[in-house]
Protein backbone atom coordinates (compact mmCIF):
# COMPACT_ATOMS: atom_id res chain seq x y z
CA UNK A 1 -19.42 -0.62 20.19
CA UNK A 2 -17.62 -0.49 23.38
CA UNK A 3 -14.55 1.44 23.00
CA UNK A 4 -11.49 2.26 20.53
CA UNK A 5 -8.31 3.61 20.16
CA UNK A 6 -6.31 4.83 17.22
CA UNK A 7 -2.62 3.99 16.86
CA UNK A 8 0.06 4.55 14.49
CA UNK A 9 -0.18 1.57 12.53
CA UNK A 10 -3.89 1.84 12.09
CA UNK A 11 -6.56 1.22 14.70
CA UNK A 12 -8.34 -1.14 16.63
CA UNK A 13 -12.59 -1.21 17.76
CA UNK A 14 -14.00 -3.23 20.19
CA UNK A 15 -17.24 -5.03 20.11
CA UNK A 16 -17.89 -7.27 23.02
CA UNK A 17 -15.97 -7.94 25.63
CA UNK A 18 -17.40 -11.03 28.57
CA UNK A 19 -15.39 -12.24 31.04
CA UNK A 20 -13.82 -15.31 29.21
CA UNK A 21 -13.68 -13.84 25.38
CA UNK A 22 -13.58 -10.23 23.41
CA UNK A 23 -13.85 -9.33 19.85
CA UNK A 24 -12.73 -6.74 17.91
CA UNK A 25 -12.19 -4.87 14.21
CA UNK A 26 -8.72 -4.16 13.78
CA UNK A 27 -7.64 -1.96 10.95
CA UNK A 28 -3.92 -1.88 9.55
CA UNK A 29 -2.62 0.90 7.40
CA UNK A 30 -0.72 0.42 3.98
CA UNK A 31 2.74 -0.17 4.61
CA UNK A 32 2.04 -0.42 8.30
CA UNK A 33 2.65 -3.42 11.18
CA UNK A 34 1.77 -4.62 14.43
CA UNK A 35 4.07 -5.58 16.56
CA UNK A 36 6.02 -8.98 16.75
CA UNK A 37 4.06 -9.90 20.03
CA UNK A 38 2.44 -13.21 22.30
CA UNK A 39 0.11 -13.47 24.97
CA UNK A 40 0.03 -15.70 28.00
CA UNK A 41 -3.58 -15.66 29.22
CA UNK A 42 -5.64 -16.06 25.55
CA UNK A 43 -5.25 -17.37 22.28
CA UNK A 44 -6.39 -15.37 19.43
CA UNK A 45 -8.39 -15.95 15.97
CA UNK A 46 -8.27 -13.71 13.29
CA UNK A 47 -10.34 -13.37 10.33
CA UNK A 48 -9.13 -11.43 7.14
CA UNK A 49 -12.08 -9.55 5.95
CA UNK A 50 -10.62 -6.91 3.88
CA UNK A 51 -7.37 -6.50 1.91
CA UNK A 52 -4.63 -8.72 2.13
CA UNK A 53 -1.07 -8.92 3.65
CA UNK A 54 2.04 -10.78 5.66
CA UNK A 55 1.62 -13.07 8.49
CA UNK A 56 4.07 -13.81 10.88
CA UNK A 57 2.91 -17.01 12.88
CA UNK A 58 5.95 -18.41 14.92
CA UNK A 59 8.77 -19.30 12.47
CA UNK A 60 6.79 -18.98 9.73
CA UNK A 61 5.53 -16.02 7.61
CA UNK A 62 2.97 -16.91 4.95
CA UNK A 63 0.49 -14.40 2.88
CA UNK A 64 -2.84 -13.99 4.27
CA UNK A 65 -6.23 -12.67 1.94
CA UNK A 66 -9.56 -11.55 2.66
CA UNK A 67 -11.82 -14.59 4.36
CA UNK A 68 -7.98 -16.37 5.71
CA UNK A 69 -8.50 -17.39 9.14
CA UNK A 70 -5.40 -17.68 11.24
CA UNK A 71 -5.46 -19.27 14.85
CA UNK A 72 -2.92 -17.90 17.21
CA UNK A 73 -1.93 -20.10 20.59
CA UNK A 74 -1.56 -18.78 23.61
CA UNK A 75 2.62 -18.33 24.19
CA UNK A 76 2.85 -17.91 20.31
CA UNK A 77 4.86 -14.92 18.55
CA UNK A 78 2.68 -13.65 15.83
CA UNK A 79 2.63 -10.27 13.64
CA UNK A 80 0.02 -9.21 10.46
CA UNK A 81 1.54 -6.75 7.87
CA UNK A 82 -0.25 -4.57 5.09
CA UNK A 83 2.52 -4.87 2.60
CA UNK A 84 -0.46 -3.44 -0.18
CA UNK A 85 -1.74 -0.31 -0.64
CA UNK A 86 -5.29 -0.72 0.62
CA UNK A 87 -6.60 -0.90 4.23
CA UNK A 88 -6.14 -4.90 6.04
CA UNK A 89 -9.31 -5.53 8.40
CA UNK A 90 -9.10 -8.08 9.85
CA UNK A 91 -11.90 -9.12 13.24
CA UNK A 92 -10.08 -10.61 16.42
CA UNK A 93 -11.82 -13.05 18.94
CA UNK A 94 -10.06 -13.54 22.10
CA UNK A 95 -10.05 -16.32 23.83
CA UNK A 96 -9.29 -16.94 27.51
CA UNK A 97 -8.55 -14.13 29.74
CA UNK A 98 -8.35 -10.92 27.93
CA UNK A 99 -6.55 -7.73 29.52
CA UNK A 100 -5.47 -5.59 26.95
CA UNK A 101 -2.22 -5.62 28.65
CA UNK A 102 -1.88 -9.45 28.19
CA UNK A 103 1.07 -8.26 25.27
CA UNK A 104 4.67 -9.02 25.42
CA UNK A 105 6.16 -6.97 22.52
CA UNK A 106 8.99 -9.06 20.74
CA UNK A 107 9.48 -6.23 18.04
CA UNK A 108 8.35 -3.16 17.54
CA UNK A 109 8.33 -0.62 14.73
CA UNK A 110 7.39 2.41 17.40
CA UNK A 111 9.44 1.82 20.30
CA UNK A 112 7.37 0.19 22.54
CA UNK A 113 9.23 -2.87 23.20
């Protein structure tokens, strides 16, 4: 593991950070959600490896479950929410230019907009 960060919504762990891709494991605690956000410099692919929840992708909201794969394009608003009583775990692969600060928060439960 290269890096990690504990957040109020859960935790992210970074395993690979190369010039044009990055791989993280994201754990979302029960009842928590990430900010509604978008990225200008990268797209992302999320593989749900444990748990279930709700995914916001553009103007769509849909259920997600273990083994689902979600593709997020550059500039596309997205958010994951864990509406279950078990942790939601996903593997995030970022493709493109991948600095941590390429986040535009549109809505946030923790006042980070």
